[in-house]
Structure formats: structure tokens, C-alpha cells
Amino acid sequence: MTDNTKDQEFVEYIVKALVDHPEDVKTGRTVDEMGVLITLDVHSDDMGMVIGREGATAKSIRTLLRVVGAKNNARVNLKINEPEGSRRGNRPRREDRENRREEKKGIEEVVEDLKI
């Protein structure tokens, strides 16, 4: 492991341990004036494992990567590319969620509806 690719190999090692398709894990590394950018591509079925609940896993990987970068005097960032064919559910728009909340009945209305 050479000093200038430790960060990239570190990301590959962690992600391959998490996913079901480690053979599809691919990383890229670019360096510019802003620092080092590690790009990550994974199988579409593994995207949820890499992101984690509410992004917790991705955030943790980024935190660890910053530690590796600090040790090597570099600013390191991680970009996770969305794979083709990923099946991300469509999140309802904010207005639709608010309208649904307004449509919900209060307890008094539910009790009244139950009376025959």
C-alpha cells in the first residue's frame, strides 16, 4: 500500500466488508486544489448497506476517511455514485404529506364514527 492510495484502499476494504457483491465495488481517486476525492461505485442492491439508515453508515465512513486523511496531511472526501438501475422509492412531496396529516381524523371523530 503506497502512501498516496491508502485512503482509497481503506474505503474499498470497508465497503467490501459491508456489501453482498464485493466484486462490484469500484473506487476512483482524484486530487485537486480542494484535496482528495474518493468516488465509490457499488452494485445497486448494495446501495442501502453503504448508505445505512438515515445515512449513518456513509457518514461514519466519511468520518473515518477524514481521520485517515488527517494522518496523511490531506483533506479527503467521499462521493458515492448512484448506480444505474437503483430502485429508490419516490418520496412524497412535502405538500402531499401535510395534506395527509390534515385529512387524519381526531379521536372524537373516530369514536363518533364507531357509534351505530
PDB file of N, CA and C in Angstrom:
ATOM      1  N   MET A   1       0.841  -1.172   0.000  1.00  0.00           N
ATOM      2  CA  MET A   1       0.000   0.000   0.000  1.00  0.00           C
ATOM      3  C   MET A   1       0.890   1.240   0.000  1.00  0.00           C
ATOM      4  N   THR A   2       0.819   2.040  -1.044  1.00  0.00           N
ATOM      5  CA  THR A   2       1.618   3.258  -1.063  1.00  0.00           C
ATOM      6  C   THR A   2       0.899   4.342  -0.301  1.00  0.00           C
ATOM      7  N   ASP A   3       1.649   5.331   0.161  1.00  0.00           N
ATOM      8  CA  ASP A   3       1.072   6.385   0.989  1.00  0.00           C
ATOM      9  C   ASP A   3      -0.039   7.154   0.291  1.00  0.00           C
ATOM     10  N   ASN A   4       0.094   7.353  -1.018  1.00  0.00           N
ATOM     11  CA  ASN A   4      -0.888   8.200  -1.690  1.00  0.00           C
ATOM     12  C   ASN A   4      -2.174   7.460  -2.067  1.00  0.00           C
ATOM     13  N   THR A   5      -2.265   6.171  -1.854  1.00  0.00           N
ATOM     14  CA  THR A   5      -3.515   5.460  -2.152  1.00  0.00           C
ATOM     15  C   THR A   5      -4.081   4.742  -0.932  1.00  0.00           C
ATOM     16  N   LYS A   6      -3.530   4.987   0.241  1.00  0.00           N
ATOM     17  CA  LYS A   6      -4.044   4.332   1.448  1.00  0.00           C
ATOM     18  C   LYS A   6      -5.508   4.657   1.679  1.00  0.00           C
ATOM     19  N   ASP A   7      -5.883   5.902   1.428  1.00  0.00           N
ATOM     20  CA  ASP A   7      -7.270   6.306   1.637  1.00  0.00           C
ATOM     21  C   ASP A   7      -8.217   5.542   0.716  1.00  0.00           C
ATOM     22  N   GLN A   8      -7.844   5.387  -0.531  1.00  0.00           N
ATOM     23  CA  GLN A   8      -8.681   4.675  -1.491  1.00  0.00           C
ATOM     24  C   GLN A   8      -8.798   3.195  -1.109  1.00  0.00           C
ATOM     25  N   GLU A   9      -7.692   2.579  -0.764  1.00  0.00           N
ATOM     26  CA  GLU A   9      -7.712   1.169  -0.377  1.00  0.00           C
ATOM     27  C   GLU A   9      -8.475   0.964   0.927  1.00  0.00           C
ATOM     28  N   PHE A  10      -8.413   1.937   1.812  1.00  0.00           N
ATOM     29  CA  PHE A  10      -9.168   1.886   3.063  1.00  0.00           C
ATOM     30  C   PHE A  10     -10.673   1.848   2.793  1.00  0.00           C
ATOM     31  N   VAL A  11     -11.136   2.716   1.903  1.00  0.00           N
ATOM     32  CA  VAL A  11     -12.565   2.743   1.550  1.00  0.00           C
ATOM     33  C   VAL A  11     -12.975   1.423   0.931  1.00  0.00           C
ATOM     34  N   GLU A  12     -12.178   0.911   0.005  1.00  0.00           N
ATOM     35  CA  GLU A  12     -12.501  -0.367  -0.635  1.00  0.00           C
ATOM     36  C   GLU A  12     -12.611  -1.479   0.398  1.00  0.00           C
ATOM     37  N   TYR A  13     -11.684  -1.519   1.336  1.00  0.00           N
ATOM     38  CA  TYR A  13     -11.676  -2.563   2.360  1.00  0.00           C
ATOM     39  C   TYR A  13     -12.949  -2.513   3.201  1.00  0.00           C
ATOM     40  N   ILE A  14     -13.315  -1.336   3.655  1.00  0.00           N
ATOM     41  CA  ILE A  14     -14.509  -1.194   4.499  1.00  0.00           C
ATOM     42  C   ILE A  14     -15.771  -1.566   3.730  1.00  0.00           C
ATOM     43  N   VAL A  15     -15.921  -1.017   2.533  1.00  0.00           N
ATOM     44  CA  VAL A  15     -17.150  -1.226   1.768  1.00  0.00           C
ATOM     45  C   VAL A  15     -17.287  -2.682   1.346  1.00  0.00           C
ATOM     46  N   LYS A  16     -16.197  -3.313   0.929  1.00  0.00           N
ATOM     47  CA  LYS A  16     -16.269  -4.727   0.532  1.00  0.00           C
ATOM     48  C   LYS A  16     -16.691  -5.610   1.697  1.00  0.00           C
ATOM     49  N   ALA A  17     -16.348  -5.216   2.918  1.00  0.00           N
ATOM     50  CA  ALA A  17     -16.763  -5.984   4.092  1.00  0.00           C
ATOM     51  C   ALA A  17     -18.249  -5.809   4.385  1.00  0.00           C
ATOM     52  N   LEU A  18     -18.853  -4.725   3.913  1.00  0.00           N
ATOM     53  CA  LEU A  18     -20.258  -4.437   4.196  1.00  0.00           C
ATOM     54  C   LEU A  18     -21.228  -5.041   3.194  1.00  0.00           C
ATOM     55  N   VAL A  19     -20.847  -5.140   1.935  1.00  0.00           N
ATOM     56  CA  VAL A  19     -21.796  -5.422   0.855  1.00  0.00           C
ATOM     57  C   VAL A  19     -21.896  -6.905   0.528  1.00  0.00           C
ATOM     58  N   ASP A  20     -22.951  -7.254  -0.220  1.00  0.00           N
ATOM     59  CA  ASP A  20     -23.162  -8.628  -0.674  1.00  0.00           C
ATOM     60  C   ASP A  20     -22.451  -8.920  -1.990  1.00  0.00           C
ATOM     61  N   HIS A  21     -22.094  -7.874  -2.724  1.00  0.00           N
ATOM     62  CA  HIS A  21     -21.421  -8.033  -4.025  1.00  0.00           C
ATOM     63  C   HIS A  21     -20.082  -7.297  -4.004  1.00  0.00           C
ATOM     64  N   PRO A  22     -19.093  -7.811  -3.261  1.00  0.00           N
ATOM     65  CA  PRO A  22     -17.814  -7.091  -3.155  1.00  0.00           C
ATOM     66  C   PRO A  22     -17.069  -6.984  -4.482  1.00  0.00           C
ATOM     67  N   GLU A  23     -17.361  -7.888  -5.389  1.00  0.00           N
ATOM     68  CA  GLU A  23     -16.691  -7.847  -6.696  1.00  0.00           C
ATOM     69  C   GLU A  23     -17.110  -6.626  -7.514  1.00  0.00           C
ATOM     70  N   ASP A  24     -18.243  -6.016  -7.182  1.00  0.00           N
ATOM     71  CA  ASP A  24     -18.741  -4.845  -7.917  1.00  0.00           C
ATOM     72  C   ASP A  24     -18.311  -3.519  -7.290  1.00  0.00           C
ATOM     73  N   VAL A  25     -17.556  -3.556  -6.209  1.00  0.00           N
ATOM     74  CA  VAL A  25     -17.092  -2.330  -5.557  1.00  0.00           C
ATOM     75  C   VAL A  25     -15.925  -1.767  -6.362  1.00  0.00           C
ATOM     76  N   LYS A  26     -16.073  -0.519  -6.783  1.00  0.00           N
ATOM     77  CA  LYS A  26     -15.019   0.150  -7.533  1.00  0.00           C
ATOM     78  C   LYS A  26     -14.811   1.546  -6.953  1.00  0.00           C
ATOM     79  N   THR A  27     -13.565   1.937  -6.818  1.00  0.00           N
ATOM     80  CA  THR A  27     -13.259   3.267  -6.310  1.00  0.00           C
ATOM     81  C   THR A  27     -12.366   3.996  -7.297  1.00  0.00           C
ATOM     82  N   GLY A  28     -12.468   5.306  -7.254  1.00  0.00           N
ATOM     83  CA  GLY A  28     -11.599   6.169  -8.043  1.00  0.00           C
ATOM     84  C   GLY A  28     -11.015   7.219  -7.118  1.00  0.00           C
ATOM     85  N   ARG A  29      -9.901   7.793  -7.521  1.00  0.00           N
ATOM     86  CA  ARG A  29      -9.238   8.782  -6.665  1.00  0.00           C
ATOM     87  C   ARG A  29      -8.735   9.919  -7.540  1.00  0.00           C
ATOM     88  N   THR A  30      -9.146  11.135  -7.200  1.00  0.00           N
ATOM     89  CA  THR A  30      -8.655  12.322  -7.896  1.00  0.00           C
ATOM     90  C   THR A  30      -8.151  13.317  -6.867  1.00  0.00           C
ATOM     91  N   VAL A  31      -7.128  14.039  -7.253  1.00  0.00           N
ATOM     92  CA  VAL A  31      -6.526  15.040  -6.376  1.00  0.00           C
ATOM     93  C   VAL A  31      -6.571  16.381  -7.091  1.00  0.00           C
ATOM     94  N   ASP A  32      -7.052  17.407  -6.370  1.00  0.00           N
ATOM     95  CA  ASP A  32      -7.048  18.765  -6.912  1.00  0.00           C
ATOM     96  C   ASP A  32      -6.723  19.742  -5.794  1.00  0.00           C
ATOM     97  N   GLU A  33      -6.931  21.031  -6.049  1.00  0.00           N
ATOM     98  CA  GLU A  33      -6.597  22.037  -5.037  1.00  0.00           C
ATOM     99  C   GLU A  33      -7.474  21.941  -3.792  1.00  0.00           C
ATOM    100  N   MET A  34      -8.637  21.300  -3.884  1.00  0.00           N
ATOM    101  CA  MET A  34      -9.535  21.141  -2.736  1.00  0.00           C
ATOM    102  C   MET A  34      -9.153  19.944  -1.871  1.00  0.00           C
ATOM    103  N   GLY A  35      -8.346  19.046  -2.387  1.00  0.00           N
ATOM    104  CA  GLY A  35      -7.943  17.859  -1.640  1.00  0.00           C
ATOM    105  C   GLY A  35      -8.140  16.612  -2.471  1.00  0.00           C
ATOM    106  N   VAL A  36      -8.414  15.511  -1.787  1.00  0.00           N
ATOM    107  CA  VAL A  36      -8.570  14.208  -2.433  1.00  0.00           C
ATOM    108  C   VAL A  36     -10.062  13.878  -2.477  1.00  0.00           C
ATOM    109  N   LEU A  37     -10.503  13.389  -3.626  1.00  0.00           N
ATOM    110  CA  LEU A  37     -11.890  12.944  -3.774  1.00  0.00           C
ATOM    111  C   LEU A  37     -11.878  11.465  -4.117  1.00  0.00           C
ATOM    112  N   ILE A  38     -12.487  10.662  -3.252  1.00  0.00           N
ATOM    113  CA  ILE A  38     -12.648   9.233  -3.500  1.00  0.00           C
ATOM    114  C   ILE A  38     -14.069   9.036  -4.014  1.00  0.00           C
ATOM    115  N   THR A  39     -14.208   8.432  -5.191  1.00  0.00           N
ATOM    116  CA  THR A  39     -15.537   8.124  -5.721  1.00  0.00           C
ATOM    117  C   THR A  39     -15.785   6.635  -5.539  1.00  0.00           C
ATOM    118  N   LEU A  40     -17.009   6.297  -5.203  1.00  0.00           N
ATOM    119  CA  LEU A  40     -17.364   4.913  -4.889  1.00  0.00           C
ATOM    120  C   LEU A  40     -18.537   4.475  -5.750  1.00  0.00           C
ATOM    121  N   ASP A  41     -18.374   3.318  -6.393  1.00  0.00           N
ATOM    122  CA  ASP A  41     -19.451   2.695  -7.158  1.00  0.00           C
ATOM    123  C   ASP A  41     -19.705   1.316  -6.581  1.00  0.00           C
ATOM    124  N   VAL A  42     -20.979   0.999  -6.330  1.00  0.00           N
ATOM    125  CA  VAL A  42     -21.353  -0.309  -5.788  1.00  0.00           C
ATOM    126  C   VAL A  42     -22.518  -0.868  -6.585  1.00  0.00           C
ATOM    127  N   HIS A  43     -22.795  -2.141  -6.384  1.00  0.00           N
ATOM    128  CA  HIS A  43     -23.944  -2.805  -7.004  1.00  0.00           C
ATOM    129  C   HIS A  43     -25.223  -2.138  -6.501  1.00  0.00           C
ATOM    130  N   SER A  44     -26.228  -2.049  -7.356  1.00  0.00           N
ATOM    131  CA  SER A  44     -27.459  -1.346  -6.973  1.00  0.00           C
ATOM    132  C   SER A  44     -28.137  -1.980  -5.758  1.00  0.00           C
ATOM    133  N   ASP A  45     -28.010  -3.291  -5.580  1.00  0.00           N
ATOM    134  CA  ASP A  45     -28.621  -3.950  -4.421  1.00  0.00           C
ATOM    135  C   ASP A  45     -27.906  -3.623  -3.119  1.00  0.00           C
ATOM    136  N   ASP A  46     -26.663  -3.165  -3.206  1.00  0.00           N
ATOM    137  CA  ASP A  46     -25.863  -2.885  -2.014  1.00  0.00           C
ATOM    138  C   ASP A  46     -25.907  -1.430  -1.574  1.00  0.00           C
ATOM    139  N   MET A  47     -26.586  -0.604  -2.312  1.00  0.00           N
ATOM    140  CA  MET A  47     -26.590   0.831  -2.022  1.00  0.00           C
ATOM    141  C   MET A  47     -27.108   1.119  -0.610  1.00  0.00           C
ATOM    142  N   GLY A  48     -28.141   0.435  -0.196  1.00  0.00           N
ATOM    143  CA  GLY A  48     -28.706   0.653   1.136  1.00  0.00           C
ATOM    144  C   GLY A  48     -27.737   0.303   2.247  1.00  0.00           C
ATOM    145  N   MET A  49     -26.923  -0.737   2.035  1.00  0.00           N
ATOM    146  CA  MET A  49     -25.936  -1.127   3.046  1.00  0.00           C
ATOM    147  C   MET A  49     -24.849  -0.068   3.180  1.00  0.00           C
ATOM    148  N   VAL A  50     -24.479   0.557   2.083  1.00  0.00           N
ATOM    149  CA  VAL A  50     -23.421   1.560   2.111  1.00  0.00           C
ATOM    150  C   VAL A  50     -23.937   2.871   2.701  1.00  0.00           C
ATOM    151  N   ILE A  51     -25.157   3.240   2.377  1.00  0.00           N
ATOM    152  CA  ILE A  51     -25.725   4.489   2.885  1.00  0.00           C
ATOM    153  C   ILE A  51     -26.141   4.320   4.348  1.00  0.00           C
ATOM    154  N   GLY A  52     -26.822   3.227   4.661  1.00  0.00           N
ATOM    155  CA  GLY A  52     -27.263   2.989   6.027  1.00  0.00           C
ATOM    156  C   GLY A  52     -28.527   3.752   6.361  1.00  0.00           C
ATOM    157  N   ARG A  53     -29.070   3.480   7.521  1.00  0.00           N
ATOM    158  CA  ARG A  53     -30.297   4.135   7.951  1.00  0.00           C
ATOM    159  C   ARG A  53     -30.022   5.610   8.177  1.00  0.00           C
ATOM    160  N   GLU A  54     -30.777   6.437   7.480  1.00  0.00           N
ATOM    161  CA  GLU A  54     -30.646   7.896   7.540  1.00  0.00           C
ATOM    162  C   GLU A  54     -29.225   8.366   7.239  1.00  0.00           C
ATOM    163  N   GLY A  55     -28.486   7.573   6.444  1.00  0.00           N
ATOM    164  CA  GLY A  55     -27.141   7.966   6.028  1.00  0.00           C
ATOM    165  C   GLY A  55     -26.064   7.748   7.065  1.00  0.00           C
ATOM    166  N   ALA A  56     -26.376   6.998   8.125  1.00  0.00           N
ATOM    167  CA  ALA A  56     -25.429   6.835   9.230  1.00  0.00           C
ATOM    168  C   ALA A  56     -24.150   6.118   8.815  1.00  0.00           C
ATOM    169  N   THR A  57     -24.278   5.072   7.991  1.00  0.00           N
ATOM    170  CA  THR A  57     -23.087   4.323   7.578  1.00  0.00           C
ATOM    171  C   THR A  57     -22.187   5.179   6.699  1.00  0.00           C
ATOM    172  N   ALA A  58     -22.771   5.872   5.739  1.00  0.00           N
ATOM    173  CA  ALA A  58     -21.982   6.741   4.864  1.00  0.00           C
ATOM    174  C   ALA A  58     -21.294   7.841   5.668  1.00  0.00           C
ATOM    175  N   LYS A  59     -21.999   8.381   6.633  1.00  0.00           N
ATOM    176  CA  LYS A  59     -21.417   9.428   7.470  1.00  0.00           C
ATOM    177  C   LYS A  59     -20.239   8.882   8.273  1.00  0.00           C
ATOM    178  N   SER A  60     -20.373   7.677   8.787  1.00  0.00           N
ATOM    179  CA  SER A  60     -19.296   7.055   9.553  1.00  0.00           C
ATOM    180  C   SER A  60     -18.073   6.784   8.685  1.00  0.00           C
ATOM    181  N   ILE A  61     -18.305   6.299   7.477  1.00  0.00           N
ATOM    182  CA  ILE A  61     -17.189   6.061   6.553  1.00  0.00           C
ATOM    183  C   ILE A  61     -16.478   7.372   6.253  1.00  0.00           C
ATOM    184  N   ARG A  62     -17.244   8.426   6.034  1.00  0.00           N
ATOM    185  CA  ARG A  62     -16.629   9.734   5.758  1.00  0.00           C
ATOM    186  C   ARG A  62     -15.815  10.235   6.948  1.00  0.00           C
ATOM    187  N   THR A  63     -16.320  10.006   8.161  1.00  0.00           N
ATOM    188  CA  THR A  63     -15.589  10.416   9.357  1.00  0.00           C
ATOM    189  C   THR A  63     -14.261   9.670   9.461  1.00  0.00           C
ATOM    190  N   LEU A  64     -14.300   8.359   9.278  1.00  0.00           N
ATOM    191  CA  LEU A  64     -13.070   7.568   9.319  1.00  0.00           C
ATOM    192  C   LEU A  64     -12.102   8.001   8.219  1.00  0.00           C
ATOM    193  N   LEU A  65     -12.635   8.332   7.071  1.00  0.00           N
ATOM    194  CA  LEU A  65     -11.800   8.767   5.954  1.00  0.00           C
ATOM    195  C   LEU A  65     -11.119  10.096   6.261  1.00  0.00           C
ATOM    196  N   ARG A  66     -11.808  10.978   6.984  1.00  0.00           N
ATOM    197  CA  ARG A  66     -11.178  12.240   7.385  1.00  0.00           C
ATOM    198  C   ARG A  66     -10.017  11.992   8.341  1.00  0.00           C
ATOM    199  N   VAL A  67     -10.156  10.986   9.203  1.00  0.00           N
ATOM    200  CA  VAL A  67      -9.078  10.638  10.124  1.00  0.00           C
ATOM    201  C   VAL A  67      -7.869  10.131   9.337  1.00  0.00           C
ATOM    202  N   VAL A  68      -8.116   9.259   8.361  1.00  0.00           N
ATOM    203  CA  VAL A  68      -7.033   8.755   7.515  1.00  0.00           C
ATOM    204  C   VAL A  68      -6.371   9.917   6.779  1.00  0.00           C
ATOM    205  N   GLY A  69      -7.188  10.842   6.277  1.00  0.00           N
ATOM    206  CA  GLY A  69      -6.643  11.999   5.572  1.00  0.00           C
ATOM    207  C   GLY A  69      -5.821  12.891   6.484  1.00  0.00           C
ATOM    208  N   ALA A  70      -6.280  13.098   7.705  1.00  0.00           N
ATOM    209  CA  ALA A  70      -5.546  13.940   8.650  1.00  0.00           C
ATOM    210  C   ALA A  70      -4.180  13.329   8.969  1.00  0.00           C
ATOM    211  N   LYS A  71      -4.138  12.032   9.061  1.00  0.00           N
ATOM    212  CA  LYS A  71      -2.876  11.347   9.333  1.00  0.00           C
ATOM    213  C   LYS A  71      -1.880  11.561   8.190  1.00  0.00           C
ATOM    214  N   ASN A  72      -2.399  11.706   6.989  1.00  0.00           N
ATOM    215  CA  ASN A  72      -1.556  11.897   5.806  1.00  0.00           C
ATOM    216  C   ASN A  72      -1.520  13.357   5.351  1.00  0.00           C
ATOM    217  N   ASN A  73      -1.973  14.268   6.214  1.00  0.00           N
ATOM    218  CA  ASN A  73      -1.984  15.703   5.899  1.00  0.00           C
ATOM    219  C   ASN A  73      -2.728  16.021   4.604  1.00  0.00           C
ATOM    220  N   ALA A  74      -3.911  15.435   4.458  1.00  0.00           N
ATOM    221  CA  ALA A  74      -4.716  15.669   3.261  1.00  0.00           C
ATOM    222  C   ALA A  74      -6.186  15.767   3.653  1.00  0.00           C
ATOM    223  N   ARG A  75      -6.921  16.540   2.884  1.00  0.00           N
ATOM    224  CA  ARG A  75      -8.366  16.623   3.065  1.00  0.00           C
ATOM    225  C   ARG A  75      -8.992  15.603   2.115  1.00  0.00           C
ATOM    226  N   VAL A  76      -9.715  14.632   2.672  1.00  0.00           N
ATOM    227  CA  VAL A  76     -10.261  13.541   1.868  1.00  0.00           C
ATOM    228  C   VAL A  76     -11.781  13.560   1.957  1.00  0.00           C
ATOM    229  N   ASN A  77     -12.438  13.511   0.807  1.00  0.00           N
ATOM    230  CA  ASN A  77     -13.897  13.473   0.726  1.00  0.00           C
ATOM    231  C   ASN A  77     -14.328  12.220  -0.013  1.00  0.00           C
ATOM    232  N   LEU A  78     -15.561  11.781   0.250  1.00  0.00           N
ATOM    233  CA  LEU A  78     -16.117  10.586  -0.388  1.00  0.00           C
ATOM    234  C   LEU A  78     -17.378  10.956  -1.140  1.00  0.00           C
ATOM    235  N   LYS A  79     -17.437  10.539  -2.399  1.00  0.00           N
ATOM    236  CA  LYS A  79     -18.649  10.715  -3.204  1.00  0.00           C
ATOM    237  C   LYS A  79     -19.143   9.322  -3.571  1.00  0.00           C
ATOM    238  N   ILE A  80     -20.392   9.036  -3.219  1.00  0.00           N
ATOM    239  CA  ILE A  80     -20.992   7.745  -3.534  1.00  0.00           C
ATOM    240  C   ILE A  80     -21.877   7.935  -4.752  1.00  0.00           C
ATOM    241  N   ASN A  81     -21.500   7.301  -5.852  1.00  0.00           N
ATOM    242  CA  ASN A  81     -22.266   7.415  -7.093  1.00  0.00           C
ATOM    243  C   ASN A  81     -23.479   6.496  -7.039  1.00  0.00           C
ATOM    244  N   GLU A  82     -24.614   7.024  -7.472  1.00  0.00           N
ATOM    245  CA  GLU A  82     -25.824   6.209  -7.520  1.00  0.00           C
ATOM    246  C   GLU A  82     -25.739   5.281  -8.726  1.00  0.00           C
ATOM    247  N   PRO A  83     -25.883   3.972  -8.508  1.00  0.00           N
ATOM    248  CA  PRO A  83     -25.749   3.027  -9.619  1.00  0.00           C
ATOM    249  C   PRO A  83     -26.942   3.083 -10.557  1.00  0.00           C
ATOM    250  N   GLU A  84     -26.690   2.729 -11.817  1.00  0.00           N
ATOM    251  CA  GLU A  84     -27.796   2.650 -12.772  1.00  0.00           C
ATOM    252  C   GLU A  84     -28.704   1.510 -12.357  1.00  0.00           C
ATOM    253  N   GLY A  85     -29.983   1.727 -12.503  1.00  0.00           N
ATOM    254  CA  GLY A  85     -30.945   0.691 -12.150  1.00  0.00           C
ATOM    255  C   GLY A  85     -31.277   0.637 -10.681  1.00  0.00           C
ATOM    256  N   SER A  86     -30.826   1.632  -9.918  1.00  0.00           N
ATOM    257  CA  SER A  86     -31.169   1.612  -8.498  1.00  0.00           C
ATOM    258  C   SER A  86     -32.649   1.899  -8.351  1.00  0.00           C
ATOM    259  N   ARG A  87     -33.218   1.342  -7.302  1.00  0.00           N
ATOM    260  CA  ARG A  87     -34.661   1.448  -7.112  1.00  0.00           C
ATOM    261  C   ARG A  87     -34.953   2.280  -5.878  1.00  0.00           C
ATOM    262  N   ARG A  88     -34.721   3.559  -5.988  1.00  0.00           N
ATOM    263  CA  ARG A  88     -35.012   4.446  -4.871  1.00  0.00           C
ATOM    264  C   ARG A  88     -36.496   4.776  -4.922  1.00  0.00           C
ATOM    265  N   GLY A  89     -37.151   4.619  -3.798  1.00  0.00           N
ATOM    266  CA  GLY A  89     -38.567   4.924  -3.737  1.00  0.00           C
ATOM    267  C   GLY A  89     -38.815   6.418  -3.870  1.00  0.00           C
ATOM    268  N   ASN A  90     -39.915   6.757  -4.486  1.00  0.00           N
ATOM    269  CA  ASN A  90     -40.262   8.170  -4.613  1.00  0.00           C
ATOM    270  C   ASN A  90     -40.840   8.661  -3.303  1.00  0.00           C
ATOM    271  N   ARG A  91     -40.231   9.659  -2.758  1.00  0.00           N
ATOM    272  CA  ARG A  91     -40.689  10.238  -1.502  1.00  0.00           C
ATOM    273  C   ARG A  91     -41.803  11.227  -1.807  1.00  0.00           C
ATOM    274  N   PRO A  92     -42.901  11.178  -1.063  1.00  0.00           N
ATOM    275  CA  PRO A  92     -43.984  12.121  -1.335  1.00  0.00           C
ATOM    276  C   PRO A  92     -43.530  13.558  -1.082  1.00  0.00           C
ATOM    277  N   ARG A  93     -44.089  14.453  -1.868  1.00  0.00           N
ATOM    278  CA  ARG A  93     -43.743  15.864  -1.703  1.00  0.00           C
ATOM    279  C   ARG A  93     -44.254  16.363  -0.358  1.00  0.00           C
ATOM    280  N   ARG A  94     -43.630  17.408   0.138  1.00  0.00           N
ATOM    281  CA  ARG A  94     -43.970  17.960   1.454  1.00  0.00           C
ATOM    282  C   ARG A  94     -45.448  18.364   1.511  1.00  0.00           C
ATOM    283  N   GLU A  95     -45.955  18.965   0.437  1.00  0.00           N
ATOM    284  CA  GLU A  95     -47.359  19.397   0.443  1.00  0.00           C
ATOM    285  C   GLU A  95     -48.287  18.193   0.591  1.00  0.00           C
ATOM    286  N   ASP A  96     -47.943  17.081  -0.084  1.00  0.00           N
ATOM    287  CA  ASP A  96     -48.778  15.887  -0.005  1.00  0.00           C
ATOM    288  C   ASP A  96     -48.774  15.306   1.404  1.00  0.00           C
ATOM    289  N   ARG A  97     -47.596  15.315   2.058  1.00  0.00           N
ATOM    290  CA  ARG A  97     -47.526  14.802   3.433  1.00  0.00           C
ATOM    291  C   ARG A  97     -48.346  15.674   4.372  1.00  0.00           C
ATOM    292  N   GLU A  98     -48.271  16.989   4.188  1.00  0.00           N
ATOM    293  CA  GLU A  98     -49.027  17.899   5.050  1.00  0.00           C
ATOM    294  C   GLU A  98     -50.526  17.735   4.829  1.00  0.00           C
ATOM    295  N   ASN A  99     -50.949  17.539   3.577  1.00  0.00           N
ATOM    296  CA  ASN A  99     -52.372  17.338   3.290  1.00  0.00           C
ATOM    297  C   ASN A  99     -52.879  16.054   3.937  1.00  0.00           C
ATOM    298  N   ARG A 100     -52.061  15.006   3.920  1.00  0.00           N
ATOM    299  CA  ARG A 100     -52.474  13.759   4.543  1.00  0.00           C
ATOM    300  C   ARG A 100     -52.634  13.920   6.046  1.00  0.00           C
ATOM    301  N   ARG A 101     -51.771  14.711   6.659  1.00  0.00           N
ATOM    302  CA  ARG A 101     -51.885  14.956   8.105  1.00  0.00           C
ATOM    303  C   ARG A 101     -53.187  15.675   8.419  1.00  0.00           C
ATOM    304  N   GLU A 102     -53.576  16.622   7.567  1.00  0.00           N
ATOM    305  CA  GLU A 102     -54.806  17.367   7.791  1.00  0.00           C
ATOM    306  C   GLU A 102     -56.029  16.485   7.618  1.00  0.00           C
ATOM    307  N   GLU A 103     -55.927  15.452   6.746  1.00  0.00           N
ATOM    308  CA  GLU A 103     -57.054  14.566   6.491  1.00  0.00           C
ATOM    309  C   GLU A 103     -57.303  13.593   7.639  1.00  0.00           C
ATOM    310  N   LYS A 104     -56.328  13.401   8.506  1.00  0.00           N
ATOM    311  CA  LYS A 104     -56.492  12.465   9.613  1.00  0.00           C
ATOM    312  C   LYS A 104     -57.552  12.987  10.573  1.00  0.00           C
ATOM    313  N   LYS A 105     -58.340  12.053  11.064  1.00  0.00           N
ATOM    314  CA  LYS A 105     -59.417  12.409  11.975  1.00  0.00           C
ATOM    315  C   LYS A 105     -58.894  12.465  13.400  1.00  0.00           C
ATOM    316  N   GLY A 106     -59.555  13.286  14.192  1.00  0.00           N
ATOM    317  CA  GLY A 106     -59.256  13.337  15.613  1.00  0.00           C
ATOM    318  C   GLY A 106     -59.925  12.175  16.317  1.00  0.00           C
ATOM    319  N   ILE A 107     -59.555  11.926  17.555  1.00  0.00           N
ATOM    320  CA  ILE A 107     -60.094  10.806  18.322  1.00  0.00           C
ATOM    321  C   ILE A 107     -61.602  10.921  18.494  1.00  0.00           C
ATOM    322  N   GLU A 108     -62.092  12.154  18.666  1.00  0.00           N
ATOM    323  CA  GLU A 108     -63.538  12.339  18.831  1.00  0.00           C
ATOM    324  C   GLU A 108     -64.295  11.924  17.567  1.00  0.00           C
ATOM    325  N   GLU A 109     -63.744  12.265  16.416  1.00  0.00           N
ATOM    326  CA  GLU A 109     -64.391  11.901  15.157  1.00  0.00           C
ATOM    327  C   GLU A 109     -64.388  10.390  14.950  1.00  0.00           C
ATOM    328  N   VAL A 110     -63.323   9.723  15.320  1.00  0.00           N
ATOM    329  CA  VAL A 110     -63.240   8.273  15.175  1.00  0.00           C
ATOM    330  C   VAL A 110     -64.255   7.598  16.100  1.00  0.00           C
ATOM    331  N   VAL A 111     -64.354   8.055  17.329  1.00  0.00           N
ATOM    332  CA  VAL A 111     -65.309   7.485  18.270  1.00  0.00           C
ATOM    333  C   VAL A 111     -66.736   7.709  17.776  1.00  0.00           C
ATOM    334  N   GLU A 112     -66.991   8.886  17.259  1.00  0.00           N
ATOM    335  CA  GLU A 112     -68.324   9.204  16.725  1.00  0.00           C
ATOM    336  C   GLU A 112     -68.680   8.291  15.548  1.00  0.00           C
ATOM    337  N   ASP A 113     -67.688   7.999  14.682  1.00  0.00           N
ATOM    338  CA  ASP A 113     -67.930   7.121  13.541  1.00  0.00           C
ATOM    339  C   ASP A 113     -68.219   5.683  13.967  1.00  0.00           C
ATOM    340  N   LEU A 114     -67.685   5.279  15.128  1.00  0.00           N
ATOM    341  CA  LEU A 114     -67.882   3.921  15.612  1.00  0.00           C
ATOM    342  C   LEU A 114     -69.277   3.719  16.221  1.00  0.00           C
ATOM    343  N   LYS A 115     -69.910   4.783  16.644  1.00  0.00           N
ATOM    344  CA  LYS A 115     -71.243   4.678  17.242  1.00  0.00           C
ATOM    345  C   LYS A 115     -72.242   4.333  16.145  1.00  0.00           C
ATOM    346  N   ILE A 116     -73.098   3.421  16.484  1.00  0.00           N
ATOM    347  CA  ILE A 116     -74.102   2.998  15.486  1.00  0.00           C
ATOM    348  C   ILE A 116     -75.451   3.544  15.848  1.00  0.00           C
TER     349      ILE A 116
END
